[in-house]
Amino acid sequence: MKHVLLIGCTLLASAALAATPKGDAKAGKTLYQTNCSGCHGAKAEGMVGPKLAGDAAKWKFNLFKRALIKGIDDKGKKLKPPMPQFKFTDKQIANIQAYLKTLK
């Protein structure tokens, strides 16, 4: 019985660690304007970098994170032009994506 309880607790802890953090669109707007708007446009409409509004906003969190951290898109292709190497936390990434979801 103790083993079952231990395994259950371990699985719950793993799920909690893997869960997508809840994003704050207001904080994400500030991060976006400071770090992303120069390439993706003030409203994520696309410029040097691709349009993010309506597309990347809908990606699963792990794919969006991979794009920001590793420069690989949702289809597994390297982004062109390449993304700068950002050091965002998961919370900051969730905030940026929450902001993008507010854009049309």
C-alpha atoms as a PDB file:
ATOM      1  CA  MET A   1       0.000   0.000   0.000  1.00  0.00           C
ATOM      2  CA  LYS A   2       2.847   2.385   0.823  1.00  0.00           C
ATOM      3  CA  HIS A   3       4.359   1.752  -2.598  1.00  0.00           C
ATOM      4  CA  VAL A   4       1.117   2.623  -4.367  1.00  0.00           C
ATOM      5  CA  LEU A   5       0.854   5.850  -2.389  1.00  0.00           C
ATOM      6  CA  LEU A   6       4.482   6.724  -3.118  1.00  0.00           C
ATOM      7  CA  ILE A   7       4.027   6.068  -6.836  1.00  0.00           C
ATOM      8  CA  GLY A   8       0.840   8.157  -6.890  1.00  0.00           C
ATOM      9  CA  CYS A   9       2.573  11.084  -5.179  1.00  0.00           C
ATOM     10  CA  THR A  10       5.499  10.844  -7.586  1.00  0.00           C
ATOM     11  CA  LEU A  11       3.192  10.902 -10.609  1.00  0.00           C
ATOM     12  CA  LEU A  12       1.283  13.899  -9.272  1.00  0.00           C
ATOM     13  CA  ALA A  13       4.511  15.772  -8.576  1.00  0.00           C
ATOM     14  CA  SER A  14       5.763  15.018 -12.099  1.00  0.00           C
ATOM     15  CA  ALA A  15       2.514  16.238 -13.627  1.00  0.00           C
ATOM     16  CA  ALA A  16       2.665  19.443 -11.603  1.00  0.00           C
ATOM     17  CA  LEU A  17       6.215  20.130 -12.777  1.00  0.00           C
ATOM     18  CA  ALA A  18       5.296  19.503 -16.402  1.00  0.00           C
ATOM     19  CA  ALA A  19       2.151  21.657 -16.275  1.00  0.00           C
ATOM     20  CA  THR A  20       2.028  24.785 -18.381  1.00  0.00           C
ATOM     21  CA  PRO A  21       2.386  27.871 -16.213  1.00  0.00           C
ATOM     22  CA  LYS A  22      -0.542  30.289 -16.281  1.00  0.00           C
ATOM     23  CA  GLY A  23       0.374  33.349 -18.296  1.00  0.00           C
ATOM     24  CA  ASP A  24      -0.248  37.004 -17.433  1.00  0.00           C
ATOM     25  CA  ALA A  25      -1.018  38.959 -20.618  1.00  0.00           C
ATOM     26  CA  LYS A  26      -0.168  42.340 -19.054  1.00  0.00           C
ATOM     27  CA  ALA A  27       3.297  41.169 -18.014  1.00  0.00           C
ATOM     28  CA  GLY A  28       3.638  39.446 -21.381  1.00  0.00           C
ATOM     29  CA  LYS A  29       2.910  42.673 -23.237  1.00  0.00           C
ATOM     30  CA  THR A  30       5.835  44.372 -21.506  1.00  0.00           C
ATOM     31  CA  LEU A  31       8.155  41.447 -22.268  1.00  0.00           C
ATOM     32  CA  TYR A  32       6.937  41.307 -25.865  1.00  0.00           C
ATOM     33  CA  GLN A  33       7.396  45.030 -26.470  1.00  0.00           C
ATOM     34  CA  THR A  34      10.903  44.963 -24.981  1.00  0.00           C
ATOM     35  CA  ASN A  35      12.181  41.781 -26.615  1.00  0.00           C
ATOM     36  CA  CYS A  36      10.056  40.784 -29.608  1.00  0.00           C
ATOM     37  CA  SER A  37       8.383  43.773 -31.274  1.00  0.00           C
ATOM     38  CA  GLY A  38      11.547  44.901 -33.080  1.00  0.00           C
ATOM     39  CA  CYS A  39      11.381  41.817 -35.332  1.00  0.00           C
ATOM     40  CA  HIS A  40       7.748  40.695 -35.098  1.00  0.00           C
ATOM     41  CA  GLY A  41       6.005  44.090 -35.088  1.00  0.00           C
ATOM     42  CA  ALA A  42       4.228  46.115 -32.427  1.00  0.00           C
ATOM     43  CA  LYS A  43       1.100  43.943 -32.680  1.00  0.00           C
ATOM     44  CA  ALA A  44       2.881  40.700 -33.699  1.00  0.00           C
ATOM     45  CA  GLU A  45       1.810  41.325 -37.290  1.00  0.00           C
ATOM     46  CA  GLY A  46       5.210  40.276 -38.667  1.00  0.00           C
ATOM     47  CA  MET A  47       8.150  42.231 -40.026  1.00  0.00           C
ATOM     48  CA  VAL A  48      11.637  40.715 -40.228  1.00  0.00           C
ATOM     49  CA  GLY A  49      10.297  37.852 -38.108  1.00  0.00           C
ATOM     50  CA  PRO A  50       7.028  36.091 -38.949  1.00  0.00           C
ATOM     51  CA  LYS A  51       3.559  37.025 -37.804  1.00  0.00           C
ATOM     52  CA  LEU A  52       2.881  35.618 -34.339  1.00  0.00           C
ATOM     53  CA  ALA A  53      -0.657  36.845 -33.683  1.00  0.00           C
ATOM     54  CA  GLY A  54      -3.153  34.124 -34.458  1.00  0.00           C
ATOM     55  CA  ASP A  55      -0.503  31.448 -35.090  1.00  0.00           C
ATOM     56  CA  ALA A  56       2.211  30.991 -32.470  1.00  0.00           C
ATOM     57  CA  ALA A  57      -0.290  32.123 -29.858  1.00  0.00           C
ATOM     58  CA  LYS A  58      -2.145  28.846 -30.465  1.00  0.00           C
ATOM     59  CA  TRP A  59       0.891  26.560 -30.263  1.00  0.00           C
ATOM     60  CA  LYS A  60       1.207  24.212 -27.321  1.00  0.00           C
ATOM     61  CA  PHE A  61       3.362  25.770 -24.623  1.00  0.00           C
ATOM     62  CA  ASN A  62       6.286  23.372 -25.154  1.00  0.00           C
ATOM     63  CA  LEU A  63       6.429  24.188 -28.878  1.00  0.00           C
ATOM     64  CA  PHE A  64       6.276  27.919 -28.196  1.00  0.00           C
ATOM     65  CA  LYS A  65       9.031  27.550 -25.584  1.00  0.00           C
ATOM     66  CA  ARG A  66      11.190  25.568 -28.016  1.00  0.00           C
ATOM     67  CA  ALA A  67      10.833  28.339 -30.607  1.00  0.00           C
ATOM     68  CA  LEU A  68      11.956  30.994 -28.142  1.00  0.00           C
ATOM     69  CA  ILE A  69      14.767  29.019 -26.556  1.00  0.00           C
ATOM     70  CA  LYS A  70      16.050  26.840 -29.403  1.00  0.00           C
ATOM     71  CA  GLY A  71      14.806  28.629 -32.527  1.00  0.00           C
ATOM     72  CA  ILE A  72      12.794  25.643 -33.817  1.00  0.00           C
ATOM     73  CA  ASP A  73       9.214  26.107 -35.034  1.00  0.00           C
ATOM     74  CA  ASP A  74       6.139  23.971 -34.416  1.00  0.00           C
ATOM     75  CA  LYS A  75       7.003  21.748 -37.382  1.00  0.00           C
ATOM     76  CA  GLY A  76      10.572  21.085 -36.160  1.00  0.00           C
ATOM     77  CA  LYS A  77      12.269  23.452 -38.625  1.00  0.00           C
ATOM     78  CA  LYS A  78      14.909  26.032 -37.737  1.00  0.00           C
ATOM     79  CA  LEU A  79      13.491  29.537 -37.702  1.00  0.00           C
ATOM     80  CA  LYS A  80      14.734  31.900 -40.400  1.00  0.00           C
ATOM     81  CA  PRO A  81      15.888  34.438 -39.623  1.00  0.00           C
ATOM     82  CA  PRO A  82      17.203  32.768 -36.461  1.00  0.00           C
ATOM     83  CA  MET A  83      15.810  33.785 -33.085  1.00  0.00           C
ATOM     84  CA  PRO A  84      18.142  35.523 -30.648  1.00  0.00           C
ATOM     85  CA  GLN A  85      19.107  33.271 -27.731  1.00  0.00           C
ATOM     86  CA  PHE A  86      16.694  34.367 -25.025  1.00  0.00           C
ATOM     87  CA  LYS A  87      16.979  33.282 -21.386  1.00  0.00           C
ATOM     88  CA  PHE A  88      13.278  33.468 -20.499  1.00  0.00           C
ATOM     89  CA  THR A  89      11.788  31.510 -17.626  1.00  0.00           C
ATOM     90  CA  ASP A  90       8.760  29.288 -18.244  1.00  0.00           C
ATOM     91  CA  LYS A  91       6.601  31.916 -16.535  1.00  0.00           C
ATOM     92  CA  GLN A  92       7.904  34.682 -18.822  1.00  0.00           C
ATOM     93  CA  ILE A  93       7.305  32.508 -21.889  1.00  0.00           C
ATOM     94  CA  ALA A  94       3.751  31.798 -20.711  1.00  0.00           C
ATOM     95  CA  ASN A  95       3.261  35.545 -20.185  1.00  0.00           C
ATOM     96  CA  ILE A  96       4.384  36.356 -23.727  1.00  0.00           C
ATOM     97  CA  GLN A  97       2.133  33.680 -25.177  1.00  0.00           C
ATOM     98  CA  ALA A  98      -0.805  34.921 -23.056  1.00  0.00           C
ATOM     99  CA  TYR A  99      -0.266  38.408 -24.518  1.00  0.00           C
ATOM    100  CA  LEU A 100      -0.139  37.027 -28.071  1.00  0.00           C
ATOM    101  CA  LYS A 101      -3.490  35.325 -27.469  1.00  0.00           C
ATOM    102  CA  THR A 102      -5.043  38.776 -26.908  1.00  0.00           C
ATOM    103  CA  LEU A 103      -4.028  39.900 -30.405  1.00  0.00           C
ATOM    104  CA  LYS A 104      -6.004  39.241 -33.585  1.00  0.00           C
END
